[in-house]
Protein backbone atom coordinates (compact mmCIF):
# COMPACT_ATOMS: atom_id res chain seq x y z
CA MET A 1 10.40 13.80 15.18
CA ALA A 2 8.07 16.74 14.81
CA ALA A 3 7.39 18.29 11.45
CA ASP A 4 8.82 21.71 10.69
CA ALA A 5 6.40 24.54 10.05
CA ASP A 6 7.92 25.26 6.62
CA THR A 7 7.47 21.71 5.23
CA ASP A 8 4.49 19.70 4.05
CA LEU A 9 5.25 16.80 6.39
CA ALA A 10 2.61 15.37 8.68
CA PRO A 11 3.31 15.26 12.42
CA ASP A 12 4.15 11.53 12.23
CA GLU A 13 6.60 11.97 9.33
CA PHE A 14 10.15 13.24 9.25
CA ASP A 15 12.39 14.71 6.61
CA ILE A 16 14.51 11.87 5.27
CA ASP A 17 16.93 14.33 3.62
CA SER A 18 17.98 15.67 7.02
CA VAL A 19 19.36 12.28 8.10
CA ASP A 20 23.05 11.47 7.51
CA TRP A 21 23.13 7.97 5.96
CA GLY A 22 25.99 5.47 6.08
CA ARG A 23 26.30 1.85 4.90
CA PHE A 24 24.80 0.50 8.14
CA GLN A 25 21.82 2.84 7.89
CA GLU A 26 21.27 1.84 4.24
CA THR A 27 21.22 -1.85 5.18
CA LYS A 28 18.90 -1.16 8.11
CA GLU A 29 16.57 0.85 5.85
CA ALA A 30 16.54 -1.95 3.26
CA LEU A 31 15.40 -4.38 5.96
CA HIS A 32 12.73 -1.92 7.13
CA MET A 33 11.48 -1.53 3.55
CA MET A 34 10.99 -5.30 3.30
CA ILE A 35 8.75 -5.23 6.34
CA SER A 36 6.97 -1.92 5.94
CA HIS A 37 7.66 -1.09 2.23
CA HIS A 38 7.14 2.54 3.16
CA PRO A 39 10.01 4.99 3.36
CA PRO A 40 10.61 6.53 6.78
CA SER A 41 8.85 9.69 5.62
CA MET A 42 5.65 7.60 5.34
CA TYR A 43 5.88 5.59 8.56
CA GLY A 44 2.49 7.12 9.38
CA HIS A 45 1.07 4.34 7.17
CA CYS A 46 2.64 1.72 9.40
CA LEU A 47 1.83 0.13 12.71
CA ARG A 48 4.65 0.75 15.16
CA ILE A 49 5.71 -1.92 17.60
CA SER A 50 8.14 -0.71 20.26
CA PHE A 51 10.29 -2.99 22.36
CA ARG A 52 13.12 -1.87 24.65
CA GLY A 53 13.34 1.53 23.04
CA ARG A 54 13.43 0.18 19.49
CA SER A 55 10.61 0.50 16.99
CA LEU A 56 9.55 -1.91 14.26
CA TYR A 57 7.28 -0.54 11.56
CA LEU A 58 4.84 -2.90 9.84
CA CYS A 59 2.65 -1.87 6.92
CA GLY A 60 -0.84 -1.41 8.37
CA ARG A 61 -2.68 -2.87 5.40
CA CYS A 62 -0.34 -5.84 4.94
CA THR A 63 -0.43 -6.62 8.65
CA GLY A 64 -4.20 -6.86 8.37
CA ILE A 65 -3.95 -9.04 5.24
CA TYR A 66 -1.49 -11.48 6.82
CA GLY A 67 -3.47 -11.55 10.06
CA GLY A 68 -6.78 -12.17 8.30
CA MET A 69 -5.30 -14.82 6.03
CA GLY A 70 -3.56 -16.57 8.93
CA LEU A 71 -6.57 -16.56 11.24
CA GLY A 72 -8.91 -17.44 8.38
CA LEU A 73 -6.83 -20.42 7.24
CA VAL A 74 -6.38 -21.71 10.79
CA ALA A 75 -10.13 -21.42 11.47
CA LEU A 76 -11.07 -23.03 8.14
CA LEU A 77 -8.59 -25.88 8.54
CA LEU A 78 -9.60 -26.57 12.15
CA LEU A 79 -13.35 -26.35 11.58
CA HIS A 80 -13.44 -28.01 8.13
CA PRO A 81 -16.65 -26.25 7.05
CA THR A 82 -18.29 -27.21 3.79
CA LEU A 83 -18.31 -24.08 1.68
CA GLN A 84 -21.09 -24.88 -0.78
CA PRO A 85 -21.87 -23.68 -3.33
CA ASP A 86 -18.27 -22.72 -3.91
CA TRP A 87 -19.15 -20.00 -6.45
CA LEU A 88 -21.15 -18.21 -3.72
CA TRP A 89 -18.21 -18.34 -1.30
CA PHE A 90 -15.93 -17.10 -4.05
CA ALA A 91 -18.30 -14.17 -4.66
CA ILE A 92 -18.28 -13.42 -0.91
CA ALA A 93 -14.47 -13.52 -0.97
CA LEU A 94 -14.39 -11.07 -3.88
CA VAL A 95 -16.66 -8.66 -2.02
CA LEU A 96 -14.52 -8.91 1.12
CA GLY A 97 -11.32 -8.42 -0.86
CA PHE A 98 -12.74 -5.55 -2.83
CA SER A 99 -12.99 -3.50 0.37
CA THR A 100 -9.20 -3.18 0.39
CA VAL A 101 -9.10 -2.36 -3.31
CA VAL A 102 -11.62 0.45 -2.84
CA ASP A 103 -9.84 1.81 0.24
CA TRP A 104 -6.40 1.68 -1.41
CA MET A 105 -7.52 3.08 -4.78
CA SER A 106 -9.47 5.93 -3.21
CA GLN A 107 -6.43 6.83 -1.12
CA ARG A 108 -4.08 6.74 -4.12
CA LEU A 109 -6.32 8.52 -6.63
CA THR A 110 -8.13 11.09 -4.50
CA PRO A 111 -7.15 13.49 -1.71
CA ARG A 112 -8.84 11.12 0.77
CA LYS A 113 -6.49 9.71 3.41
CA THR A 114 -7.22 6.61 5.44
CA THR A 115 -6.21 5.71 8.96
CA ASN A 116 -4.15 2.75 10.05
CA ILE A 117 -7.24 1.26 11.67
CA MET A 118 -9.07 1.42 8.32
CA ARG A 119 -6.04 0.02 6.47
CA ALA A 120 -5.70 -2.86 8.93
CA ALA A 121 -9.46 -3.58 8.96
CA THR A 122 -9.84 -3.67 5.17
CA GLY A 123 -6.60 -5.65 4.96
CA PHE A 124 -8.01 -8.14 7.45
CA LEU A 125 -11.11 -8.58 5.28
CA SER A 126 -8.89 -9.20 2.25
CA GLY A 127 -6.89 -11.73 4.24
CA LEU A 128 -10.09 -13.57 5.12
CA ALA A 129 -11.05 -13.46 1.44
CA LEU A 130 -7.71 -14.95 0.42
CA ALA A 131 -8.12 -17.66 3.06
CA ILE A 132 -11.51 -18.57 1.58
CA VAL A 133 -10.10 -18.67 -1.95
CA PHE A 134 -7.16 -20.86 -0.85
CA TYR A 135 -9.46 -23.13 1.15
CA LEU A 136 -11.74 -23.61 -1.86
CA GLY A 137 -8.68 -24.88 -3.72
CA ASN A 138 -10.07 -23.97 -7.14
CA LEU A 139 -7.30 -22.92 -9.53
CA PHE A 140 -9.71 -20.84 -11.64
CA TYR A 141 -10.79 -18.84 -8.57
CA MET A 142 -7.16 -18.28 -7.61
CA LEU A 143 -6.34 -17.02 -11.11
CA VAL A 144 -9.33 -14.69 -11.12
CA THR A 145 -8.27 -13.35 -7.70
CA LEU A 146 -4.74 -12.72 -8.95
CA SER A 147 -6.11 -11.06 -12.10
CA VAL A 148 -8.31 -8.71 -10.07
CA MET A 149 -5.28 -7.76 -7.96
CA LEU A 150 -3.12 -7.25 -11.06
CA VAL A 151 -5.71 -5.11 -12.83
CA SER A 152 -6.36 -2.94 -9.77
CA VAL A 153 -2.69 -2.32 -8.98
CA GLY A 154 -1.76 -1.92 -12.65
CA GLY A 155 -4.71 0.36 -13.32
CA VAL A 156 -3.81 2.65 -10.44
CA GLY A 157 -0.20 2.68 -11.62
CA LEU A 158 -1.24 3.70 -15.13
CA ILE A 159 -3.57 6.42 -13.89
CA GLN A 160 -0.91 7.84 -11.57
CA SER A 161 1.70 7.72 -14.33
CA ARG A 162 -0.55 9.61 -16.73
CA ARG A 163 -1.44 12.19 -14.08
CA HIS A 164 2.24 12.69 -13.35
CA ARG A 165 3.05 13.20 -17.04
CA VAL A 166 0.21 15.72 -17.38
CA GLU A 167 1.45 17.60 -14.30
CA ILE A 168 4.95 17.77 -15.78
CA VAL A 169 3.64 19.05 -19.12
CA GLU A 170 1.42 21.64 -17.42
CA ALA A 171 4.26 22.77 -15.16
CA THR A 172 6.59 23.36 -18.09
CA PRO A 173 5.89 26.76 -19.62
CA GLU A 174 5.66 26.61 -23.39
CA ASP A 175 7.60 29.83 -23.91
CA THR A 176 10.73 28.44 -22.25
CA MET A 177 11.83 26.60 -25.34
CA GLU A 178 15.55 26.69 -25.86
CA GLU A 179 16.40 29.98 -27.42
CA GLU A 180 19.69 31.19 -28.70
CA PRO A 181 21.34 33.39 -26.11
CA GLU A 182 21.55 36.98 -27.19
CA GLU A 183 24.97 38.22 -28.03
CA ILE A 184 26.20 41.02 -25.86
CA GLU A 185 28.11 43.67 -27.76
């Protein structure tokens, strides 16, 4: 659906408020959110797979992560390479995984927008990184990986929350405090 000239929607987005929703549509949307976790207005962040006139939207970044992790684990398990020293391979995995963190954070915190190709590519690198960490089988490395993910997602959430609160405070004029209405005589 094309974007209207009077809205801020991108050409690949549509106005969700213009759609009449029923119980079936709500259930369908809930299933789509599990796969894409983007609302229909942001399907531009998803890879679209069409089959027989129906479209399935998959999160571009997560598709790359799952693909990289799947291919990485299959390759590592089939080839049985010796990843020594393991701390070096863990450092390589952190660098690979950090590409997604940088791409995602820069998109969320700056006006910069990424493409689905970039989302899928950096996601693929993170998937390979996760495959390496899982293959190493070191619980400490896994906990550090989870901590890095938690801190990056949580940090972005905190920054966005504070920015949003500042925008609300700045948008509220100070002179609109509740005043007693004047009595009309």
